[in-house]
Amino acid sequence: MEDHALTPPAWLERAVLALIPPLARETVAGDLCEIYESPRQYAREAARTIPFVIVSQMRRNLNAPALLVQLALADALLGPMTAALLLPVLLLRDAWQPVARPSAHDAIRGTMIIALLAMIAVQALAMNVNLMLSTGLNRANWISLYFFGFLVAPLLCILRTGLIVDSDRRTEPKGDLAAAYKAFRLRARRHNIVEGATLVVASAVAAWWLDGKAAFLFTTLYLLTAIYLLWRGAPAPLPADGDARTLAVRYATALDARRQLRRFLWWLWCAPALLALQQHAGHNPIAVAMAGAATVLCCFLLSAINREHGGRIREEMRALERLA
């Protein structure tokens, strides 16, 4: 009975846990339980501690280049006011990064929900006769849009399943850490050379394909990123005289830096295509609607890729901690 009295009520603990970012949840919740005296004191300490934890996680997980690309995309597609309102949402999303990859069941269920909403939107669009007449499409072409909605769910689920299978095929680092890190470093350098050269070509394409400030912004970003990748994007070599713990910590740091870099690069590659899609849709209602749907689905897939990749990297980092 005495131990029970020194434990916060289950409902209160669940509420506090939901407010703590996942990456800091175990540590902060344990500290709050250690100093527990009463529900009022527990709630007061949680209210005092959690805001600082959230700000700390926002700072620790901030990916400034990726955030810049996302805000530039939001500014171009939705306007500066919406982009400003989206900034705290993006920062909070970074703070609430999951500890691990989602289960296959949760990943497919979330994909099905998004696909169902997209299918309903497309089919509702196809049933608008006035919109059909305003676009000048004949009835046969318009009805084909209705049946296209049914393809959204299986397509998204196939892509999401591919991400899950690809992540499951990756192996955790084990055995000789120095050899594993050397192989990782060589792969990173090879990818950087190929991607950096491709970005130089893409900068010219972006300057020709995009309009106005978007062309200048993404051409500049492509060139600066290419210089970084070709110059110093690869992980640094391991110290020759380091012990196992030093090697594991350095390896984990390099993995996390690679995760942040990949997250930025995925957004950098997709953002100009989404902008060009919106710009070339013009004022045609059906083209604008389809471009908007493609943008939403692409952002969903980018988030899924980042979640799978980030979760897998954290699994590898935990494996390195066990080896150390």
Protein backbone atom coordinates (compact mmCIF):
# COMPACT_ATOMS: atom_id res chain seq x y z
CA MET A 1 0.00 0.00 0.00
CA GLU A 2 2.83 2.35 0.76
CA ASP A 3 4.45 1.74 -2.66
CA HIS A 4 1.11 2.40 -4.31
CA ALA A 5 0.79 5.71 -2.47
CA LEU A 6 4.16 6.80 -3.86
CA THR A 7 3.09 6.14 -7.45
CA PRO A 8 1.18 8.71 -9.51
CA PRO A 9 -2.36 7.73 -10.54
CA ALA A 10 -2.42 5.80 -13.81
CA TRP A 11 -4.63 8.34 -15.60
CA LEU A 12 -2.40 11.24 -14.56
CA GLU A 13 0.76 9.41 -15.56
CA ARG A 14 -0.69 8.59 -18.98
CA ALA A 15 -1.63 12.23 -19.50
CA VAL A 16 1.86 13.41 -18.56
CA LEU A 17 3.53 10.77 -20.75
CA ALA A 18 1.49 11.93 -23.74
CA LEU A 19 2.87 15.46 -23.29
CA ILE A 20 6.53 14.38 -23.17
CA PRO A 21 8.33 14.00 -26.54
CA PRO A 22 9.03 10.29 -27.23
CA LEU A 23 12.84 10.55 -27.32
CA ALA A 24 12.92 12.05 -23.80
CA ARG A 25 9.84 10.28 -22.39
CA GLU A 26 11.55 7.47 -20.48
CA THR A 27 14.13 9.69 -18.79
CA VAL A 28 11.79 12.55 -17.88
CA ALA A 29 9.00 10.24 -16.70
CA GLY A 30 11.45 8.36 -14.49
CA ASP A 31 12.73 11.58 -12.92
CA LEU A 32 9.18 12.78 -12.24
CA CYS A 33 8.25 9.47 -10.60
CA GLU A 34 11.34 9.58 -8.37
CA ILE A 35 10.29 12.91 -6.84
CA TYR A 36 6.56 12.06 -6.67
CA GLU A 37 4.80 13.14 -3.48
CA SER A 38 1.20 13.80 -4.47
CA PRO A 39 -0.88 14.20 -7.65
CA ARG A 40 -0.85 17.98 -7.28
CA GLN A 41 2.92 18.09 -6.84
CA TYR A 42 3.39 15.64 -9.75
CA ALA A 43 1.25 17.77 -12.08
CA ARG A 44 3.03 20.94 -10.94
CA GLU A 45 6.48 19.47 -11.59
CA ALA A 46 5.36 18.13 -14.97
CA ALA A 47 3.95 21.53 -15.99
CA ARG A 48 7.23 23.14 -14.96
CA THR A 49 9.51 20.59 -16.65
CA ILE A 50 7.79 19.56 -19.88
CA PRO A 51 7.98 22.94 -21.72
CA PHE A 52 11.76 22.98 -21.27
CA VAL A 53 11.95 19.38 -22.49
CA ILE A 54 9.92 20.22 -25.58
CA VAL A 55 12.13 23.22 -26.40
CA SER A 56 15.23 21.07 -25.84
CA GLN A 57 13.94 18.38 -28.20
CA MET A 58 13.05 20.99 -30.80
CA ARG A 59 16.59 22.32 -30.64
CA ARG A 60 18.23 18.88 -30.64
CA ASN A 61 16.20 17.59 -33.60
CA LEU A 62 16.16 20.80 -35.63
CA ASN A 63 17.15 20.26 -39.24
CA ALA A 64 17.52 23.86 -40.44
CA PRO A 65 18.15 23.09 -44.17
CA ALA A 66 15.12 20.75 -44.37
CA LEU A 67 13.00 23.29 -42.51
CA LEU A 68 14.07 26.00 -44.97
CA VAL A 69 12.98 23.85 -47.93
CA GLN A 70 9.65 23.02 -46.30
CA LEU A 71 8.91 26.68 -45.48
CA ALA A 72 9.91 27.78 -48.99
CA LEU A 73 7.55 25.17 -50.41
CA ALA A 74 4.74 26.27 -48.08
CA ASP A 75 5.35 29.93 -48.93
CA ALA A 76 5.18 29.27 -52.67
CA LEU A 77 2.12 26.99 -52.54
CA LEU A 78 0.08 28.42 -49.65
CA GLY A 79 1.37 31.94 -49.07
CA PRO A 80 3.63 33.58 -46.44
CA MET A 81 0.95 33.69 -43.73
CA THR A 82 0.33 29.95 -43.91
CA ALA A 83 4.08 29.28 -43.96
CA ALA A 84 4.48 31.35 -40.78
CA LEU A 85 1.66 29.42 -39.08
CA LEU A 86 3.22 26.14 -40.24
CA LEU A 87 6.61 26.89 -38.62
CA PRO A 88 5.65 25.96 -35.00
CA VAL A 89 3.86 22.85 -36.30
CA LEU A 90 7.01 21.68 -38.07
CA LEU A 91 9.16 22.40 -35.02
CA LEU A 92 6.79 20.45 -32.75
CA ARG A 93 6.73 17.58 -35.23
CA ASP A 94 10.53 17.42 -35.06
CA ALA A 95 10.34 17.37 -31.26
CA TRP A 96 7.87 14.45 -31.37
CA GLN A 97 10.01 12.22 -33.56
CA PRO A 98 9.26 8.56 -32.73
CA VAL A 99 11.83 6.42 -30.98
CA ALA A 100 11.61 3.58 -33.51
CA ARG A 101 9.98 2.66 -36.79
CA PRO A 102 6.22 2.13 -36.70
CA SER A 103 4.94 -1.43 -36.74
CA ALA A 104 3.87 -2.76 -40.11
CA HIS A 105 0.26 -2.81 -38.91
CA ASP A 106 0.30 0.87 -37.85
CA ALA A 107 2.14 1.94 -41.00
CA ILE A 108 -0.34 0.26 -43.36
CA ARG A 109 -3.32 1.48 -41.33
CA GLY A 110 -2.11 5.08 -41.52
CA THR A 111 -1.49 4.70 -45.25
CA MET A 112 -5.00 3.34 -45.77
CA ILE A 113 -6.51 6.32 -43.93
CA ILE A 114 -4.60 8.81 -46.10
CA ALA A 115 -5.45 6.85 -49.26
CA LEU A 116 -9.14 6.70 -48.32
CA LEU A 117 -9.28 10.48 -47.80
CA ALA A 118 -7.50 11.04 -51.13
CA MET A 119 -9.87 8.65 -52.91
CA ILE A 120 -12.94 10.42 -51.46
CA ALA A 121 -11.56 13.80 -52.55
CA VAL A 122 -10.87 12.60 -56.11
CA GLN A 123 -14.27 10.95 -56.46
CA ALA A 124 -16.08 13.97 -55.05
CA LEU A 125 -14.25 16.05 -57.64
CA ALA A 126 -15.31 13.66 -60.40
CA MET A 127 -18.98 13.95 -59.40
CA ASN A 128 -19.00 17.75 -59.83
CA VAL A 129 -20.67 18.21 -63.23
CA ASN A 130 -20.26 21.99 -63.25
CA LEU A 131 -16.51 21.59 -62.79
CA MET A 132 -16.46 19.09 -65.67
CA LEU A 133 -18.16 21.60 -67.96
CA SER A 134 -15.80 24.41 -66.92
CA THR A 135 -12.71 22.35 -67.80
CA GLY A 136 -14.00 21.37 -71.24
CA LEU A 137 -13.44 17.62 -70.72
CA ASN A 138 -15.86 15.13 -72.21
CA ARG A 139 -17.87 12.77 -70.01
CA ALA A 140 -15.74 9.70 -70.76
CA ASN A 141 -12.51 11.41 -69.70
CA TRP A 142 -14.19 12.87 -66.63
CA ILE A 143 -15.60 9.51 -65.51
CA SER A 144 -12.12 8.00 -65.81
CA LEU A 145 -11.08 10.38 -63.02
CA TYR A 146 -13.67 8.71 -60.77
CA PHE A 147 -12.16 5.26 -61.32
CA PHE A 148 -8.64 6.65 -60.89
CA GLY A 149 -9.49 7.27 -57.24
CA PHE A 150 -9.64 3.53 -56.64
CA LEU A 151 -5.98 3.19 -57.66
CA VAL A 152 -4.74 5.55 -54.94
CA ALA A 153 -5.07 3.10 -52.01
CA PRO A 154 -3.28 0.08 -53.55
CA LEU A 155 -0.56 2.32 -55.00
CA LEU A 156 0.21 3.97 -51.66
CA CYS A 157 0.08 0.65 -49.80
CA ILE A 158 2.50 -0.94 -52.28
CA LEU A 159 4.93 1.96 -51.85
CA ARG A 160 4.59 1.86 -48.05
CA THR A 161 5.11 -1.90 -47.99
CA GLY A 162 8.25 -1.44 -50.08
CA LEU A 163 9.62 0.98 -47.48
CA ILE A 164 8.92 -1.52 -44.68
CA VAL A 165 10.55 -4.41 -46.55
CA ASP A 166 13.59 -2.31 -47.45
CA SER A 167 14.07 -1.27 -43.80
CA ASP A 168 13.68 -4.86 -42.60
CA ARG A 169 16.43 -5.99 -44.98
CA ARG A 170 18.99 -3.62 -43.45
CA THR A 171 21.26 -5.19 -40.87
CA GLU A 172 22.47 -3.69 -37.63
CA PRO A 173 26.21 -3.03 -37.23
CA LYS A 174 27.94 -5.92 -35.52
CA GLY A 175 31.32 -7.57 -35.27
CA ASP A 176 34.32 -5.40 -36.10
CA LEU A 177 33.15 -1.81 -35.60
CA ALA A 178 36.12 -0.34 -37.43
CA ALA A 179 35.45 -2.47 -40.54
CA ALA A 180 31.70 -1.72 -40.41
CA TYR A 181 32.36 2.01 -40.10
CA LYS A 182 34.86 1.93 -42.95
CA ALA A 183 32.29 0.29 -45.23
CA PHE A 184 29.67 2.83 -44.13
CA ARG A 185 32.06 5.70 -44.81
CA LEU A 186 32.92 4.40 -48.30
CA ARG A 187 29.23 4.04 -49.17
CA ALA A 188 28.54 7.56 -47.95
CA ARG A 189 31.42 8.99 -49.98
CA ARG A 190 30.29 7.16 -53.12
CA HIS A 191 26.73 8.38 -52.71
CA ASN A 192 27.93 11.94 -52.10
CA ILE A 193 29.97 12.00 -55.32
CA VAL A 194 27.08 10.70 -57.43
CA GLU A 195 24.48 12.91 -55.77
CA GLY A 196 26.67 16.00 -55.78
CA ALA A 197 27.32 15.67 -59.52
CA THR A 198 23.60 15.13 -60.12
CA LEU A 199 22.75 18.24 -58.09
CA VAL A 200 25.01 20.37 -60.31
CA VAL A 201 23.00 19.22 -63.34
CA ALA A 202 19.72 19.65 -61.45
CA SER A 203 20.59 23.27 -60.59
CA ALA A 204 20.58 24.11 -64.31
CA VAL A 205 17.27 22.28 -64.78
CA ALA A 206 15.72 24.14 -61.81
CA ALA A 207 16.84 27.50 -63.23
CA TRP A 208 15.13 26.68 -66.53
CA TRP A 209 12.03 24.88 -65.18
CA LEU A 210 10.99 27.06 -62.23
CA ASP A 211 9.89 30.68 -62.22
CA GLY A 212 10.82 33.75 -60.18
CA LYS A 213 12.30 33.49 -56.70
CA ALA A 214 11.75 29.70 -56.58
CA ALA A 215 14.23 29.27 -59.46
CA PHE A 216 16.85 31.39 -57.70
CA LEU A 217 16.31 29.71 -54.31
CA PHE A 218 16.51 26.10 -55.48
CA THR A 219 19.31 26.72 -57.98
CA THR A 220 21.35 28.23 -55.16
CA LEU A 221 20.44 25.43 -52.74
CA TYR A 222 21.36 22.76 -55.30
CA LEU A 223 24.77 24.31 -55.96
CA LEU A 224 25.59 24.87 -52.28
CA THR A 225 24.51 21.33 -51.39
CA ALA A 226 26.56 19.90 -54.25
CA ILE A 227 29.65 21.77 -53.03
CA TYR A 228 29.09 20.46 -49.49
CA LEU A 229 28.62 16.85 -50.62
CA LEU A 230 31.65 16.87 -52.90
CA TRP A 231 33.87 18.69 -50.43
CA ARG A 232 33.13 17.43 -46.93
CA GLY A 233 29.87 15.49 -46.87
CA ALA A 234 31.45 12.11 -46.06
CA PRO A 235 31.91 11.05 -42.40
CA ALA A 236 35.32 11.63 -40.84
CA PRO A 237 37.62 8.62 -40.36
CA LEU A 238 37.77 6.92 -36.98
CA PRO A 239 40.69 7.65 -34.65
CA ALA A 240 43.30 4.94 -34.88
CA ASP A 241 43.82 4.66 -31.11
CA GLY A 242 40.18 4.80 -29.96
CA ASP A 243 38.64 2.17 -27.71
CA ALA A 244 35.39 0.32 -28.48
CA ARG A 245 33.23 2.90 -26.73
CA THR A 246 34.84 5.80 -28.59
CA LEU A 247 34.36 3.99 -31.91
CA ALA A 248 30.71 3.23 -31.13
CA VAL A 249 29.98 6.83 -30.13
CA ARG A 250 31.68 8.21 -33.24
CA TYR A 251 29.82 5.70 -35.42
CA ALA A 252 26.46 6.59 -33.84
CA THR A 253 27.14 10.32 -34.31
CA ALA A 254 27.99 9.76 -37.98
CA LEU A 255 24.81 7.72 -38.47
CA ASP A 256 22.67 10.47 -36.95
CA ALA A 257 24.36 13.13 -39.09
CA ARG A 258 23.69 10.98 -42.15
CA ARG A 259 20.03 10.68 -41.15
CA GLN A 260 19.69 14.46 -40.95
CA LEU A 261 21.44 14.89 -44.30
CA ARG A 262 19.21 12.34 -46.05
CA ARG A 263 16.10 14.00 -44.64
CA PHE A 264 17.15 17.33 -46.12
CA LEU A 265 18.12 15.82 -49.47
CA TRP A 266 14.80 14.01 -49.95
CA TRP A 267 12.91 17.27 -49.45
CA LEU A 268 15.38 19.15 -51.65
CA TRP A 269 14.87 16.73 -54.55
CA CYS A 270 11.07 16.74 -54.37
CA ALA A 271 10.28 20.39 -53.61
CA PRO A 272 11.15 21.86 -57.06
CA ALA A 273 9.08 19.19 -58.80
CA LEU A 274 6.09 20.03 -56.60
CA LEU A 275 6.53 23.75 -57.28
CA ALA A 276 6.79 23.18 -61.02
CA LEU A 277 3.67 21.01 -60.89
CA GLN A 278 1.71 23.84 -59.26
CA GLN A 279 3.12 26.52 -61.56
CA HIS A 280 2.36 24.64 -64.77
CA ALA A 281 -1.17 23.73 -63.62
CA GLY A 282 -2.16 27.30 -64.40
CA HIS A 283 -5.79 28.18 -63.71
CA ASN A 284 -7.33 24.94 -64.92
CA PRO A 285 -9.44 23.70 -61.96
CA ILE A 286 -8.85 20.01 -62.58
CA ALA A 287 -5.10 20.51 -63.09
CA VAL A 288 -4.88 22.55 -59.88
CA ALA A 289 -6.83 19.93 -57.94
CA MET A 290 -4.70 17.07 -59.25
CA ALA A 291 -1.51 19.00 -58.52
CA GLY A 292 -2.72 19.62 -54.96
CA ALA A 293 -3.53 15.92 -54.48
CA ALA A 294 -0.10 14.95 -55.84
CA THR A 295 1.56 17.40 -53.44
CA VAL A 296 -0.29 15.98 -50.42
CA LEU A 297 0.54 12.38 -51.35
CA CYS A 298 4.18 13.24 -52.04
CA CYS A 299 4.52 14.95 -48.65
CA PHE A 300 2.96 11.89 -47.02
CA LEU A 301 5.45 9.57 -48.72
CA LEU A 302 8.37 11.81 -47.77
CA SER A 303 7.22 11.72 -44.14
CA ALA A 304 6.92 7.92 -44.33
CA ILE A 305 10.43 7.62 -45.78
CA ASN A 306 11.86 9.88 -43.09
CA ARG A 307 10.08 7.94 -40.34
CA GLU A 308 11.27 4.55 -41.61
CA HIS A 309 14.83 5.74 -42.19
CA GLY A 310 15.02 7.66 -38.91
CA GLY A 311 13.65 4.71 -36.93
CA ARG A 312 16.09 2.31 -38.55
CA ILE A 313 19.03 4.64 -37.84
CA ARG A 314 18.00 4.83 -34.17
CA GLU A 315 17.82 1.03 -34.03
CA GLU A 316 21.39 0.90 -35.34
CA MET A 317 22.46 3.51 -32.80
CA ARG A 318 20.98 1.44 -29.95
CA ALA A 319 22.82 -1.60 -31.29
CA LEU A 320 26.06 0.40 -31.19
CA GLU A 321 25.36 1.37 -27.57
CA ARG A 322 25.04 -2.32 -26.70
CA LEU A 323 28.33 -3.11 -28.44
CA ALA A 324 30.05 -0.34 -26.49
